[in-house]
Structures are given as C-alpha cells and as structure tokens.
Amino acid sequence: MVRAQALLALVQAGYTHESAMAAVESGDLSQLKAAPVPALPPAGNVQHLLPQTSPGATADPLPATMPRLPVGSTSPGDGGNNTRPTPRPSSARRALEEANGHV
C-alpha cells in the first residue's frame, strides 16, 4: 500500500510512470525522470485520490412511490414515543408525596 501511494504521488508530481516504478522498487529517487507533459492536478475539492468527473457526491432523489418515514414527536423530553409524563404543578406533587409518606 505504501509503495502504491508513493507511485501515485510521484506520477501526480509529474514523473514518468516507468521512472516512478523503478524508483519505488529500488528506493533510489535519482532514477526519476520528468514526464514530457506534467500530469494534471486533481480537480477542485476532491476528498480522495480516485478520478471523478466532478468533485463532490451526487445523489438521485427518492422515487415518489416510496413512502416517507413517520415523523414522531419533536418534544425534547419525549423519546419520540409520546411517553412524556403530563406536567403537574409542584403543589400537586407535594400533596401526593405527603400522602404517600415521602417528604
């Protein structure tokens, strides 16, 4: 993998394929020869070394026949399943706690 990355970097830097292969195999960088026409730099905002026709990811929209996912509750305290307890005033909570012996 390291040798393949070195080979790719040398070719992108403008050296011939043959001299880059010889230099990587022998470890002698003096074997590098400049390519007659330097390789073009990668296009724009490419995040990997694979060739692309245009930078960035593209996606097709979902077909209209595909059903949408159900949307749950958006309450921050609700786990999306409507199980949040109903709020009670503190006086009602205190009365319940006193009646149950929790003070």
N, C-alpha and C. Protein backbone atom coordinates (compact mmCIF):
# COMPACT_ATOMS: atom_id res chain seq x y z
N MET A 1 0.83 -1.19 0.00
CA MET A 1 0.00 0.00 0.00
C MET A 1 0.87 1.25 0.00
N VAL A 2 1.93 1.24 0.80
CA VAL A 2 2.82 2.40 0.87
C VAL A 2 3.49 2.63 -0.48
N ARG A 3 3.90 1.54 -1.12
CA ARG A 3 4.55 1.66 -2.43
C ARG A 3 3.56 2.19 -3.48
N ALA A 4 2.33 1.74 -3.41
CA ALA A 4 1.31 2.21 -4.36
C ALA A 4 1.04 3.70 -4.16
N GLN A 5 0.99 4.14 -2.91
CA GLN A 5 0.77 5.56 -2.64
C GLN A 5 1.96 6.39 -3.11
N ALA A 6 3.17 5.88 -2.92
CA ALA A 6 4.36 6.59 -3.38
C ALA A 6 4.35 6.69 -4.90
N LEU A 7 3.98 5.62 -5.58
CA LEU A 7 3.92 5.62 -7.04
C LEU A 7 2.90 6.64 -7.53
N LEU A 8 1.73 6.66 -6.91
CA LEU A 8 0.69 7.62 -7.29
C LEU A 8 1.17 9.05 -7.07
N ALA A 9 1.81 9.31 -5.95
CA ALA A 9 2.29 10.66 -5.65
C ALA A 9 3.36 11.10 -6.65
N LEU A 10 4.25 10.19 -7.04
CA LEU A 10 5.31 10.54 -7.98
C LEU A 10 4.74 10.83 -9.38
N VAL A 11 3.78 10.03 -9.80
CA VAL A 11 3.17 10.27 -11.12
C VAL A 11 2.40 11.58 -11.10
N GLN A 12 1.67 11.86 -10.01
CA GLN A 12 0.94 13.13 -9.91
C GLN A 12 1.90 14.31 -9.83
N ALA A 13 3.10 14.08 -9.32
CA ALA A 13 4.09 15.16 -9.23
C ALA A 13 4.73 15.46 -10.58
N GLY A 14 4.49 14.59 -11.60
CA GLY A 14 4.98 14.90 -12.94
C GLY A 14 6.11 14.03 -13.42
N TYR A 15 6.37 12.89 -12.80
CA TYR A 15 7.41 11.97 -13.26
C TYR A 15 6.79 10.89 -14.14
N THR A 16 7.60 10.28 -15.02
CA THR A 16 7.08 9.24 -15.90
C THR A 16 6.72 8.00 -15.08
N HIS A 17 5.77 7.23 -15.59
CA HIS A 17 5.35 6.01 -14.90
C HIS A 17 6.51 5.05 -14.73
N GLU A 18 7.29 4.89 -15.80
CA GLU A 18 8.39 3.93 -15.76
C GLU A 18 9.45 4.31 -14.74
N SER A 19 9.85 5.60 -14.74
CA SER A 19 10.88 6.02 -13.79
C SER A 19 10.36 5.99 -12.35
N ALA A 20 9.08 6.29 -12.16
CA ALA A 20 8.49 6.23 -10.82
C ALA A 20 8.47 4.80 -10.31
N MET A 21 8.12 3.85 -11.20
CA MET A 21 8.12 2.44 -10.79
C MET A 21 9.53 1.97 -10.44
N ALA A 22 10.50 2.36 -11.24
CA ALA A 22 11.88 1.96 -10.97
C ALA A 22 12.38 2.57 -9.66
N ALA A 23 12.04 3.82 -9.41
CA ALA A 23 12.49 4.50 -8.19
C ALA A 23 11.84 3.87 -6.96
N VAL A 24 10.56 3.53 -7.04
CA VAL A 24 9.86 2.93 -5.90
C VAL A 24 10.41 1.54 -5.62
N GLU A 25 10.66 0.76 -6.68
CA GLU A 25 11.16 -0.61 -6.48
C GLU A 25 12.58 -0.63 -5.93
N SER A 26 13.43 0.32 -6.38
CA SER A 26 14.82 0.30 -5.93
C SER A 26 15.06 1.18 -4.70
N GLY A 27 14.17 2.12 -4.46
CA GLY A 27 14.37 3.06 -3.36
C GLY A 27 15.35 4.17 -3.72
N ASP A 28 15.72 4.28 -5.01
CA ASP A 28 16.69 5.28 -5.48
C ASP A 28 15.93 6.36 -6.25
N LEU A 29 15.73 7.52 -5.61
CA LEU A 29 14.97 8.59 -6.24
C LEU A 29 15.72 9.28 -7.37
N SER A 30 17.00 8.99 -7.54
CA SER A 30 17.76 9.61 -8.63
C SER A 30 17.32 9.03 -9.98
N GLN A 31 16.55 7.96 -9.98
CA GLN A 31 16.08 7.35 -11.23
C GLN A 31 14.85 8.07 -11.80
N LEU A 32 14.31 9.03 -11.07
CA LEU A 32 13.11 9.73 -11.52
C LEU A 32 13.42 10.61 -12.71
N LYS A 33 12.52 10.59 -13.71
CA LYS A 33 12.64 11.43 -14.90
C LYS A 33 11.33 12.18 -15.06
N ALA A 34 11.43 13.46 -15.37
CA ALA A 34 10.24 14.29 -15.54
C ALA A 34 9.46 13.84 -16.76
N ALA A 35 8.14 13.82 -16.66
CA ALA A 35 7.28 13.46 -17.78
C ALA A 35 7.28 14.62 -18.77
N PRO A 36 7.15 14.33 -20.09
CA PRO A 36 7.15 15.41 -21.08
C PRO A 36 5.98 16.39 -20.86
N VAL A 37 4.83 15.88 -20.53
CA VAL A 37 3.68 16.73 -20.22
C VAL A 37 3.28 16.40 -18.78
N PRO A 38 3.40 17.37 -17.86
CA PRO A 38 3.08 17.05 -16.47
C PRO A 38 1.61 16.63 -16.30
N ALA A 39 1.38 15.74 -15.38
CA ALA A 39 0.02 15.27 -15.11
C ALA A 39 -0.80 16.41 -14.54
N LEU A 40 -2.08 16.43 -14.89
CA LEU A 40 -2.97 17.48 -14.39
C LEU A 40 -3.24 17.26 -12.90
N PRO A 41 -3.32 18.35 -12.13
CA PRO A 41 -3.65 18.20 -10.71
C PRO A 41 -5.10 17.74 -10.56
N PRO A 42 -5.44 17.13 -9.43
CA PRO A 42 -6.82 16.69 -9.21
C PRO A 42 -7.77 17.88 -9.28
N ALA A 43 -8.99 17.63 -9.72
CA ALA A 43 -9.98 18.70 -9.89
C ALA A 43 -10.53 19.15 -8.54
N GLY A 44 -10.52 20.44 -8.31
CA GLY A 44 -11.20 21.10 -7.20
C GLY A 44 -11.15 20.44 -5.85
N ASN A 45 -12.30 20.25 -5.26
CA ASN A 45 -12.46 19.80 -3.89
C ASN A 45 -12.60 18.30 -3.78
N VAL A 46 -11.71 17.53 -4.35
CA VAL A 46 -11.80 16.07 -4.31
C VAL A 46 -11.23 15.59 -2.99
N GLN A 47 -11.95 14.70 -2.30
CA GLN A 47 -11.52 14.25 -0.98
C GLN A 47 -10.86 12.89 -1.02
N HIS A 48 -10.65 12.33 -2.19
CA HIS A 48 -9.96 11.05 -2.29
C HIS A 48 -9.17 11.05 -3.58
N LEU A 49 -8.38 10.03 -3.83
CA LEU A 49 -7.49 10.01 -4.97
C LEU A 49 -8.06 9.32 -6.21
N LEU A 50 -9.30 8.88 -6.17
CA LEU A 50 -9.90 8.25 -7.33
C LEU A 50 -10.35 9.33 -8.32
N PRO A 51 -10.22 9.08 -9.62
CA PRO A 51 -10.65 10.10 -10.58
C PRO A 51 -12.16 10.29 -10.54
N GLN A 52 -12.58 11.53 -10.72
CA GLN A 52 -14.00 11.86 -10.72
C GLN A 52 -14.30 12.78 -11.89
N THR A 53 -15.52 12.72 -12.39
CA THR A 53 -15.90 13.65 -13.44
C THR A 53 -16.19 15.02 -12.85
N SER A 54 -16.77 15.07 -11.67
CA SER A 54 -16.99 16.34 -10.98
C SER A 54 -16.80 16.09 -9.49
N PRO A 55 -16.24 17.07 -8.78
CA PRO A 55 -15.99 16.85 -7.36
C PRO A 55 -17.29 16.81 -6.55
N GLY A 56 -17.23 16.11 -5.44
CA GLY A 56 -18.36 16.04 -4.53
C GLY A 56 -19.26 14.86 -4.81
N ALA A 57 -20.13 14.59 -3.88
CA ALA A 57 -21.05 13.46 -4.00
C ALA A 57 -22.33 13.91 -4.68
N THR A 58 -22.90 13.03 -5.44
CA THR A 58 -24.18 13.32 -6.07
C THR A 58 -25.16 12.22 -5.69
N ALA A 59 -26.43 12.55 -5.68
CA ALA A 59 -27.45 11.56 -5.32
C ALA A 59 -28.71 11.84 -6.12
N ASP A 60 -29.45 10.79 -6.40
CA ASP A 60 -30.73 10.93 -7.08
C ASP A 60 -31.82 11.00 -6.01
N PRO A 61 -32.87 11.81 -6.24
CA PRO A 61 -33.95 11.85 -5.26
C PRO A 61 -34.70 10.53 -5.21
N LEU A 62 -35.35 10.26 -4.09
CA LEU A 62 -36.13 9.04 -3.94
C LEU A 62 -37.33 9.09 -4.87
N PRO A 63 -37.77 7.94 -5.39
CA PRO A 63 -38.96 7.95 -6.25
C PRO A 63 -40.20 8.36 -5.46
N ALA A 64 -41.16 8.96 -6.15
CA ALA A 64 -42.39 9.43 -5.49
C ALA A 64 -43.21 8.29 -4.93
N THR A 65 -43.02 7.07 -5.43
CA THR A 65 -43.80 5.93 -4.95
C THR A 65 -43.28 5.40 -3.62
N MET A 66 -42.08 5.79 -3.21
CA MET A 66 -41.52 5.30 -1.95
C MET A 66 -42.15 6.06 -0.78
N PRO A 67 -42.69 5.32 0.22
CA PRO A 67 -43.35 6.01 1.34
C PRO A 67 -42.34 6.74 2.22
N ARG A 68 -42.81 7.81 2.81
CA ARG A 68 -41.99 8.60 3.72
C ARG A 68 -41.95 7.94 5.10
N LEU A 69 -40.88 8.20 5.84
CA LEU A 69 -40.78 7.69 7.21
C LEU A 69 -41.73 8.47 8.11
N PRO A 70 -42.32 7.82 9.12
CA PRO A 70 -43.20 8.54 10.01
C PRO A 70 -42.41 9.53 10.86
N VAL A 71 -43.01 10.67 11.13
CA VAL A 71 -42.36 11.69 11.94
C VAL A 71 -42.95 11.63 13.33
N GLY A 72 -42.09 11.45 14.33
CA GLY A 72 -42.54 11.36 15.71
C GLY A 72 -42.63 12.71 16.38
N SER A 73 -42.78 12.68 17.67
CA SER A 73 -42.86 13.89 18.47
C SER A 73 -41.52 14.62 18.41
N THR A 74 -41.59 15.92 18.50
CA THR A 74 -40.36 16.71 18.49
C THR A 74 -40.08 17.33 19.85
N SER A 75 -40.81 16.90 20.86
CA SER A 75 -40.59 17.42 22.21
C SER A 75 -39.22 16.97 22.72
N PRO A 76 -38.40 17.89 23.28
CA PRO A 76 -37.07 17.49 23.71
C PRO A 76 -37.06 16.47 24.83
N GLY A 77 -38.11 16.41 25.67
CA GLY A 77 -38.13 15.46 26.77
C GLY A 77 -38.80 14.15 26.41
N ASP A 78 -39.37 14.11 25.22
CA ASP A 78 -40.09 12.93 24.78
C ASP A 78 -39.16 12.09 23.92
N GLY A 79 -39.12 10.81 24.12
CA GLY A 79 -38.26 9.94 23.35
C GLY A 79 -38.80 9.65 21.96
N GLY A 80 -39.79 10.39 21.51
CA GLY A 80 -40.37 10.18 20.21
C GLY A 80 -41.51 9.19 20.23
N ASN A 81 -41.86 8.70 21.43
CA ASN A 81 -42.94 7.71 21.51
C ASN A 81 -44.08 8.19 22.39
N ASN A 82 -44.17 9.51 22.58
CA ASN A 82 -45.27 10.14 23.35
C ASN A 82 -45.40 9.58 24.75
N THR A 83 -44.31 9.28 25.44
CA THR A 83 -44.36 8.74 26.79
C THR A 83 -43.98 9.78 27.84
N ARG A 84 -43.87 11.02 27.48
CA ARG A 84 -43.51 12.04 28.45
C ARG A 84 -44.66 12.23 29.43
N PRO A 85 -44.38 12.26 30.73
CA PRO A 85 -45.48 12.43 31.69
C PRO A 85 -46.09 13.82 31.59
N THR A 86 -47.36 13.90 31.93
CA THR A 86 -48.02 15.20 31.89
C THR A 86 -47.51 16.06 33.04
N PRO A 87 -47.25 17.33 32.79
CA PRO A 87 -46.72 18.18 33.85
C PRO A 87 -47.79 18.45 34.92
N ARG A 88 -47.36 18.49 36.19
CA ARG A 88 -48.25 18.81 37.30
C ARG A 88 -47.63 19.95 38.08
N PRO A 89 -48.44 20.83 38.62
CA PRO A 89 -47.86 21.90 39.46
C PRO A 89 -47.18 21.30 40.68
N SER A 90 -46.17 21.99 41.17
CA SER A 90 -45.41 21.47 42.30
C SER A 90 -46.29 21.25 43.53
N SER A 91 -47.35 22.06 43.72
CA SER A 91 -48.22 21.87 44.88
C SER A 91 -48.92 20.51 44.81
N ALA A 92 -49.30 20.08 43.60
CA ALA A 92 -49.95 18.77 43.46
C ALA A 92 -48.95 17.66 43.72
N ARG A 93 -47.71 17.83 43.28
CA ARG A 93 -46.69 16.81 43.54
C ARG A 93 -46.41 16.70 45.03
N ARG A 94 -46.32 17.85 45.70
CA ARG A 94 -46.06 17.81 47.15
C ARG A 94 -47.19 17.12 47.89
N ALA A 95 -48.43 17.38 47.49
CA ALA A 95 -49.57 16.75 48.16
C ALA A 95 -49.52 15.23 47.98
N LEU A 96 -49.15 14.75 46.76
CA LEU A 96 -49.04 13.31 46.53
C LEU A 96 -47.90 12.70 47.35
N GLU A 97 -46.77 13.41 47.43
CA GLU A 97 -45.62 12.91 48.18
C GLU A 97 -45.96 12.82 49.68
N GLU A 98 -46.66 13.83 50.21
CA GLU A 98 -47.01 13.82 51.62
C GLU A 98 -48.01 12.70 51.92
N ALA A 99 -48.93 12.46 50.98
CA ALA A 99 -49.93 11.42 51.18
C ALA A 99 -49.29 10.03 51.16
N ASN A 100 -48.22 9.87 50.40
CA ASN A 100 -47.54 8.59 50.29
C ASN A 100 -46.41 8.44 51.32
N GLY A 101 -46.19 9.47 52.13
CA GLY A 101 -45.18 9.38 53.17
C GLY A 101 -43.79 9.77 52.71
N HIS A 102 -43.64 10.33 51.53
CA HIS A 102 -42.34 10.79 51.02
C HIS A 102 -42.24 12.29 51.23
N VAL A 103 -41.43 12.70 52.15
CA VAL A 103 -41.30 14.15 52.39
C VAL A 103 -39.90 14.58 52.14
